[in-house]
Amino acid sequence: MKDPYTIVKNLLRTEKGTVLLAENKYLFEVDRRANKLEIKKSVEDIYKVKVSSVNTVSMHGKQKRVRYKKGKTPDWKKALVTLKQGSTIDIS
């Protein structure tokens, strides 16, 4: 089994993520190769909560330009994790 800390990279603190906290949903940046079952197990192991469902989105990197060279930010994966009733993650 993979290390849970390599699958779940960090908790995303965005405006959308803050709005979703009222619905007991959290946004995470996860490893691009991880599947929903691995993400669920990792979040449960790290935060000691019960996960109800996991939805994932593959985010494409943006085109950037630095002086005269074109470049691209890396592609990444976002997971929307819904917790069971009564479970919360302390984000402070």
C-alpha atoms as a PDB file:
ATOM      1  CA  MET A   1       0.000   0.000   0.000  1.00  0.00           C
ATOM      2  CA  LYS A   2       1.164   3.518  -0.741  1.00  0.00           C
ATOM      3  CA  ASP A   3       1.867   6.003   2.010  1.00  0.00           C
ATOM      4  CA  PRO A   4      -1.281   8.112   2.665  1.00  0.00           C
ATOM      5  CA  TYR A   5       0.802  11.289   2.741  1.00  0.00           C
ATOM      6  CA  THR A   6       2.011  10.704  -0.837  1.00  0.00           C
ATOM      7  CA  ILE A   7      -1.560  10.302  -2.100  1.00  0.00           C
ATOM      8  CA  VAL A   8      -3.112  13.311  -0.317  1.00  0.00           C
ATOM      9  CA  LYS A   9      -0.794  16.265  -0.885  1.00  0.00           C
ATOM     10  CA  ASN A  10      -2.666  19.115   0.812  1.00  0.00           C
ATOM     11  CA  LEU A  11      -6.016  20.572   1.764  1.00  0.00           C
ATOM     12  CA  LEU A  12      -7.099  23.288  -0.681  1.00  0.00           C
ATOM     13  CA  ARG A  13      -8.178  26.540   0.959  1.00  0.00           C
ATOM     14  CA  THR A  14     -10.134  28.367  -1.719  1.00  0.00           C
ATOM     15  CA  GLU A  15     -13.375  30.332  -1.830  1.00  0.00           C
ATOM     16  CA  LYS A  16     -15.200  27.350  -3.291  1.00  0.00           C
ATOM     17  CA  GLY A  17     -13.731  25.086  -0.615  1.00  0.00           C
ATOM     18  CA  THR A  18     -14.842  27.450   2.125  1.00  0.00           C
ATOM     19  CA  VAL A  19     -18.424  27.476   0.807  1.00  0.00           C
ATOM     20  CA  LEU A  20     -18.454  23.663   0.660  1.00  0.00           C
ATOM     21  CA  LEU A  21     -17.487  23.359   4.354  1.00  0.00           C
ATOM     22  CA  ALA A  22     -21.130  24.024   5.281  1.00  0.00           C
ATOM     23  CA  GLU A  23     -22.097  20.860   3.352  1.00  0.00           C
ATOM     24  CA  ASN A  24     -19.347  18.819   5.100  1.00  0.00           C
ATOM     25  CA  LYS A  25     -17.269  18.643   1.892  1.00  0.00           C
ATOM     26  CA  TYR A  26     -13.524  19.248   1.619  1.00  0.00           C
ATOM     27  CA  LEU A  27     -11.197  19.837  -1.350  1.00  0.00           C
ATOM     28  CA  PHE A  28      -7.807  18.120  -1.568  1.00  0.00           C
ATOM     29  CA  GLU A  29      -4.932  18.123  -4.027  1.00  0.00           C
ATOM     30  CA  VAL A  30      -4.080  14.464  -4.627  1.00  0.00           C
ATOM     31  CA  ASP A  31      -1.644  12.353  -6.635  1.00  0.00           C
ATOM     32  CA  ARG A  32      -2.620  12.178 -10.318  1.00  0.00           C
ATOM     33  CA  ARG A  33      -2.391   8.363 -10.365  1.00  0.00           C
ATOM     34  CA  ALA A  34      -4.494   7.782  -7.234  1.00  0.00           C
ATOM     35  CA  ASN A  35      -7.988   6.317  -7.567  1.00  0.00           C
ATOM     36  CA  LYS A  36     -11.044   7.060  -5.440  1.00  0.00           C
ATOM     37  CA  LEU A  37     -10.579   4.095  -3.113  1.00  0.00           C
ATOM     38  CA  GLU A  38      -6.967   5.067  -2.346  1.00  0.00           C
ATOM     39  CA  ILE A  39      -8.005   8.678  -1.717  1.00  0.00           C
ATOM     40  CA  LYS A  40     -10.803   7.581   0.626  1.00  0.00           C
ATOM     41  CA  LYS A  41      -8.501   5.299   2.645  1.00  0.00           C
ATOM     42  CA  SER A  42      -5.793   7.978   2.854  1.00  0.00           C
ATOM     43  CA  VAL A  43      -8.147  10.708   4.109  1.00  0.00           C
ATOM     44  CA  GLU A  44      -9.595   8.326   6.696  1.00  0.00           C
ATOM     45  CA  ASP A  45      -6.092   7.352   7.901  1.00  0.00           C
ATOM     46  CA  ILE A  46      -4.691  10.897   8.040  1.00  0.00           C
ATOM     47  CA  TYR A  47      -7.649  12.771   9.551  1.00  0.00           C
ATOM     48  CA  LYS A  48      -9.354   9.907  11.496  1.00  0.00           C
ATOM     49  CA  VAL A  49     -12.795  10.569   9.924  1.00  0.00           C
ATOM     50  CA  LYS A  50     -15.370   8.521   8.011  1.00  0.00           C
ATOM     51  CA  VAL A  51     -15.667   9.352   4.298  1.00  0.00           C
ATOM     52  CA  SER A  52     -19.020   9.077   2.546  1.00  0.00           C
ATOM     53  CA  SER A  53     -17.978   9.714  -1.080  1.00  0.00           C
ATOM     54  CA  VAL A  54     -15.112  10.939  -3.251  1.00  0.00           C
ATOM     55  CA  ASN A  55     -15.381  12.837  -6.537  1.00  0.00           C
ATOM     56  CA  THR A  56     -12.264  13.613  -8.594  1.00  0.00           C
ATOM     57  CA  VAL A  57     -11.387  16.127 -11.302  1.00  0.00           C
ATOM     58  CA  SER A  58      -8.220  16.192 -13.429  1.00  0.00           C
ATOM     59  CA  MET A  59      -7.090  19.806 -13.669  1.00  0.00           C
ATOM     60  CA  HIS A  60      -5.040  20.807 -16.694  1.00  0.00           C
ATOM     61  CA  GLY A  61      -2.051  23.115 -16.276  1.00  0.00           C
ATOM     62  CA  LYS A  62      -2.150  26.640 -17.650  1.00  0.00           C
ATOM     63  CA  GLN A  63       0.015  28.077 -20.410  1.00  0.00           C
ATOM     64  CA  LYS A  64       2.454  30.616 -18.991  1.00  0.00           C
ATOM     65  CA  ARG A  65       5.083  32.874 -20.494  1.00  0.00           C
ATOM     66  CA  VAL A  66       8.254  34.058 -18.802  1.00  0.00           C
ATOM     67  CA  ARG A  67       9.986  36.736 -20.864  1.00  0.00           C
ATOM     68  CA  TYR A  68      10.450  35.154 -24.288  1.00  0.00           C
ATOM     69  CA  LYS A  69       9.859  31.510 -23.411  1.00  0.00           C
ATOM     70  CA  LYS A  70       6.559  29.684 -23.261  1.00  0.00           C
ATOM     71  CA  GLY A  71       5.915  27.198 -20.524  1.00  0.00           C
ATOM     72  CA  LYS A  72       3.151  25.309 -18.766  1.00  0.00           C
ATOM     73  CA  THR A  73       2.222  24.697 -15.157  1.00  0.00           C
ATOM     74  CA  PRO A  74       1.879  21.018 -14.256  1.00  0.00           C
ATOM     75  CA  ASP A  75      -1.365  19.053 -14.513  1.00  0.00           C
ATOM     76  CA  TRP A  76      -2.847  18.013 -11.154  1.00  0.00           C
ATOM     77  CA  LYS A  77      -5.815  16.211  -9.643  1.00  0.00           C
ATOM     78  CA  LYS A  78      -8.435  17.609  -7.277  1.00  0.00           C
ATOM     79  CA  ALA A  79     -10.631  15.487  -4.996  1.00  0.00           C
ATOM     80  CA  LEU A  80     -13.937  16.572  -3.460  1.00  0.00           C
ATOM     81  CA  VAL A  81     -14.391  14.467  -0.314  1.00  0.00           C
ATOM     82  CA  THR A  82     -17.766  14.264   1.423  1.00  0.00           C
ATOM     83  CA  LEU A  83     -17.648  13.182   5.062  1.00  0.00           C
ATOM     84  CA  LYS A  84     -20.324  11.240   6.920  1.00  0.00           C
ATOM     85  CA  GLN A  85     -22.649  13.084   9.283  1.00  0.00           C
ATOM     86  CA  GLY A  86     -20.876  13.988  12.533  1.00  0.00           C
ATOM     87  CA  SER A  87     -17.325  13.873  11.098  1.00  0.00           C
ATOM     88  CA  THR A  88     -15.352  17.081  10.641  1.00  0.00           C
ATOM     89  CA  ILE A  89     -11.767  18.068   9.877  1.00  0.00           C
ATOM     90  CA  ASP A  90     -10.159  20.777  11.981  1.00  0.00           C
ATOM     91  CA  ILE A  91      -8.578  23.165   9.447  1.00  0.00           C
ATOM     92  CA  SER A  92      -7.265  25.769  11.887  1.00  0.00           C
END
